[in-house]
Amino acid sequence: MADTENLNQADVVSILRDSGYVMLTTALNDGKLLAHPMVPQQVTDDADVWFFIGMQGDQATALLKNPEVNIAVAEAGNWLSVAGRVEFVDDQDKKDELWNDQVAAWFTGGRNDPELGLMKVVGDSAQHWGLEGGKVSALAQIAKAKVTGDRTAGGSDTTEL
């Protein structure tokens, strides 16, 4: 877990790498927000996050017109929000590198499925809110706060990526 008062890029990378799923939010043409659960395929040391995406859905259509996104991670006592922008990448070698059985379950046409898109989210900034001590400690702090009526300790910080 990151220090909530001294967030840095390495903290953001660590949290993203530990996340099995994230919520990726974008804006539709009418301004409504659309969020989908996504599986990061790779998080680079620069905090770039790689995803596979179906190119025929509402999310891809919206992202092609407005690449600004938010990645959200939430777990007990630990919340991360990353603002960034999507870049669609046409790179068969990168697709091959990131391909795995989970992706194959969604894209039955394989690595050459015409609907299979590859995108990279380049982060601009991140904000983290959290409680000290990791998941178990955070759950205990939350439970204690409910019983005592006190606020949990913790804090937040923002960093540029």
Protein backbone atom coordinates (compact mmCIF):
# COMPACT_ATOMS: atom_id res chain seq x y z
CA MET A 1 0.00 0.00 0.00
CA ALA A 2 1.22 3.48 -0.86
CA ASP A 3 1.97 6.18 1.67
CA THR A 4 -1.05 8.44 1.29
CA GLU A 5 0.96 11.55 2.09
CA ASN A 6 3.86 10.94 -0.33
CA LEU A 7 2.36 9.35 -3.43
CA ASN A 8 4.77 8.82 -6.30
CA GLN A 9 4.75 7.09 -9.67
CA ALA A 10 6.21 3.86 -8.25
CA ASP A 11 3.31 3.69 -5.77
CA VAL A 12 0.79 4.12 -8.58
CA VAL A 13 2.50 1.39 -10.63
CA SER A 14 2.49 -0.96 -7.64
CA ILE A 15 -1.22 -0.47 -6.92
CA LEU A 16 -2.15 -0.91 -10.58
CA ARG A 17 -0.03 -4.06 -10.90
CA ASP A 18 -1.70 -5.54 -7.80
CA SER A 19 -5.17 -4.93 -9.24
CA GLY A 20 -6.77 -7.84 -11.05
CA TYR A 21 -9.55 -5.62 -12.36
CA VAL A 22 -10.03 -1.88 -12.71
CA MET A 23 -12.94 0.29 -13.78
CA LEU A 24 -12.24 2.29 -16.94
CA THR A 25 -14.52 5.31 -17.38
CA THR A 26 -14.96 7.46 -20.47
CA ALA A 27 -17.51 10.01 -21.65
CA LEU A 28 -20.02 9.26 -24.39
CA ASN A 29 -20.91 11.84 -27.05
CA ASP A 30 -23.86 13.05 -24.97
CA GLY A 31 -21.62 13.60 -21.94
CA LYS A 32 -22.84 10.57 -20.00
CA LEU A 33 -20.13 8.54 -18.33
CA LEU A 34 -19.58 4.91 -19.25
CA ALA A 35 -17.56 2.60 -16.99
CA HIS A 36 -16.48 -0.95 -17.72
CA PRO A 37 -14.52 -3.44 -15.66
CA MET A 38 -11.25 -4.12 -17.47
CA VAL A 39 -8.26 -6.38 -16.90
CA PRO A 40 -4.89 -4.63 -17.20
CA GLN A 41 -2.66 -6.79 -19.37
CA GLN A 42 0.50 -4.88 -18.47
CA VAL A 43 1.48 -1.90 -16.33
CA THR A 44 4.80 -0.35 -17.32
CA ASP A 45 7.26 1.36 -14.99
CA ASP A 46 6.03 4.64 -16.55
CA ALA A 47 2.48 3.82 -15.30
CA ASP A 48 1.17 3.15 -18.80
CA VAL A 49 -1.59 0.52 -18.68
CA TRP A 50 -2.22 -1.86 -21.59
CA PHE A 51 -5.64 -3.36 -22.31
CA PHE A 52 -7.36 -5.42 -24.97
CA ILE A 53 -10.75 -4.04 -26.02
CA GLY A 54 -13.57 -5.06 -28.33
CA MET A 55 -13.67 -2.46 -31.10
CA GLN A 56 -17.40 -2.85 -31.88
CA GLY A 57 -18.78 -1.72 -28.50
CA ASP A 58 -19.93 1.62 -27.11
CA GLN A 59 -16.75 2.00 -25.08
CA ALA A 60 -14.39 1.77 -28.08
CA THR A 61 -16.62 4.07 -30.13
CA ALA A 62 -16.55 6.67 -27.36
CA LEU A 63 -12.80 6.34 -26.84
CA LEU A 64 -12.09 6.90 -30.53
CA LYS A 65 -13.86 10.28 -30.27
CA ASN A 66 -12.75 11.26 -26.77
CA PRO A 67 -9.61 9.50 -25.48
CA GLU A 68 -9.75 11.04 -21.98
CA VAL A 69 -10.33 8.32 -19.35
CA ASN A 70 -10.21 7.52 -15.68
CA ILE A 71 -8.97 4.25 -14.21
CA ALA A 72 -10.37 3.49 -10.76
CA VAL A 73 -9.12 0.87 -8.31
CA ALA A 74 -10.97 0.15 -5.08
CA GLU A 75 -10.30 -2.35 -2.33
CA ALA A 76 -10.69 -2.29 1.44
CA GLY A 77 -9.03 0.89 2.69
CA ASN A 78 -7.30 1.67 -0.62
CA TRP A 79 -8.62 3.75 -3.52
CA LEU A 80 -6.75 4.97 -6.60
CA SER A 81 -7.95 7.21 -9.42
CA VAL A 82 -5.77 7.70 -12.50
CA ALA A 83 -6.61 10.34 -15.10
CA GLY A 84 -5.16 9.73 -18.54
CA ARG A 85 -5.75 9.30 -22.23
CA VAL A 86 -6.10 6.31 -24.52
CA GLU A 87 -3.85 5.57 -27.45
CA PHE A 88 -4.98 2.78 -29.78
CA VAL A 89 -1.99 0.76 -30.91
CA ASP A 90 -1.80 -1.42 -34.03
CA ASP A 91 1.11 -3.70 -33.12
CA GLN A 92 0.80 -7.43 -33.73
CA ASP A 93 4.01 -8.16 -31.77
CA LYS A 94 2.55 -6.40 -28.70
CA LYS A 95 -0.72 -8.32 -29.11
CA ASP A 96 1.27 -11.56 -29.22
CA GLU A 97 3.27 -10.53 -26.15
CA LEU A 98 0.17 -9.75 -24.08
CA TRP A 99 -2.09 -12.56 -25.36
CA ASN A 100 -3.23 -15.04 -22.70
CA ASP A 101 -5.99 -17.57 -21.97
CA GLN A 102 -8.27 -14.96 -20.35
CA VAL A 103 -8.17 -12.82 -23.47
CA ALA A 104 -8.74 -15.90 -25.65
CA ALA A 105 -11.99 -16.57 -23.78
CA TRP A 106 -13.34 -13.16 -24.85
CA PHE A 107 -11.96 -13.04 -28.39
CA THR A 108 -12.72 -16.40 -29.94
CA GLY A 109 -11.22 -15.30 -33.26
CA GLY A 110 -7.77 -15.42 -31.66
CA ARG A 111 -5.03 -12.86 -31.92
CA ASN A 112 -6.20 -11.92 -35.40
CA ASP A 113 -9.83 -11.38 -34.40
CA PRO A 114 -10.94 -8.28 -36.36
CA GLU A 115 -12.74 -6.97 -33.26
CA LEU A 116 -9.62 -7.24 -31.07
CA GLY A 117 -8.20 -3.83 -30.25
CA LEU A 118 -5.10 -2.96 -28.26
CA MET A 119 -4.95 0.23 -26.28
CA LYS A 120 -2.57 1.92 -23.92
CA VAL A 121 -3.68 4.38 -21.25
CA VAL A 122 -1.02 7.01 -20.67
CA GLY A 123 -1.54 8.47 -17.21
CA ASP A 124 -1.47 12.20 -16.55
CA SER A 125 -2.07 12.20 -12.80
CA ALA A 126 -3.19 9.95 -9.98
CA GLN A 127 -4.89 10.45 -6.67
CA HIS A 128 -4.78 7.93 -3.85
CA TRP A 129 -6.82 7.68 -0.68
CA GLY A 130 -5.91 5.04 1.81
CA LEU A 131 -5.58 3.67 5.29
CA GLU A 132 -2.28 2.53 6.72
CA GLY A 133 -1.41 -1.15 6.99
CA GLY A 134 -2.97 -2.89 4.02
CA LYS A 135 -6.29 -4.70 3.56
CA VAL A 136 -6.58 -6.53 6.88
CA SER A 137 -5.59 -3.49 8.92
CA ALA A 138 -7.92 -1.28 6.87
CA LEU A 139 -10.87 -3.62 7.45
CA ALA A 140 -10.14 -3.57 11.18
CA GLN A 141 -9.94 0.25 11.18
CA ILE A 142 -13.21 0.54 9.28
CA ALA A 143 -14.96 -1.88 11.66
CA LYS A 144 -13.59 -0.04 14.70
CA ALA A 145 -14.75 3.30 13.31
CA LYS A 146 -18.27 1.93 12.82
CA VAL A 147 -18.40 0.76 16.44
CA THR A 148 -16.80 3.84 18.04
CA GLY A 149 -18.20 6.45 15.67
CA ASP A 150 -14.68 7.83 15.19
CA ARG A 151 -13.23 8.56 11.77
CA THR A 152 -10.56 6.25 10.42
CA ALA A 153 -7.04 7.52 10.09
CA GLY A 154 -5.70 7.89 6.59
CA GLY A 155 -5.09 10.49 4.00
CA SER A 156 -4.77 11.27 0.34
CA ASP A 157 -2.23 12.59 -2.10
CA THR A 158 -1.97 13.39 -5.81
CA THR A 159 0.96 12.96 -8.17
CA GLU A 160 1.70 13.79 -11.78
CA LEU A 161 2.65 10.80 -13.96
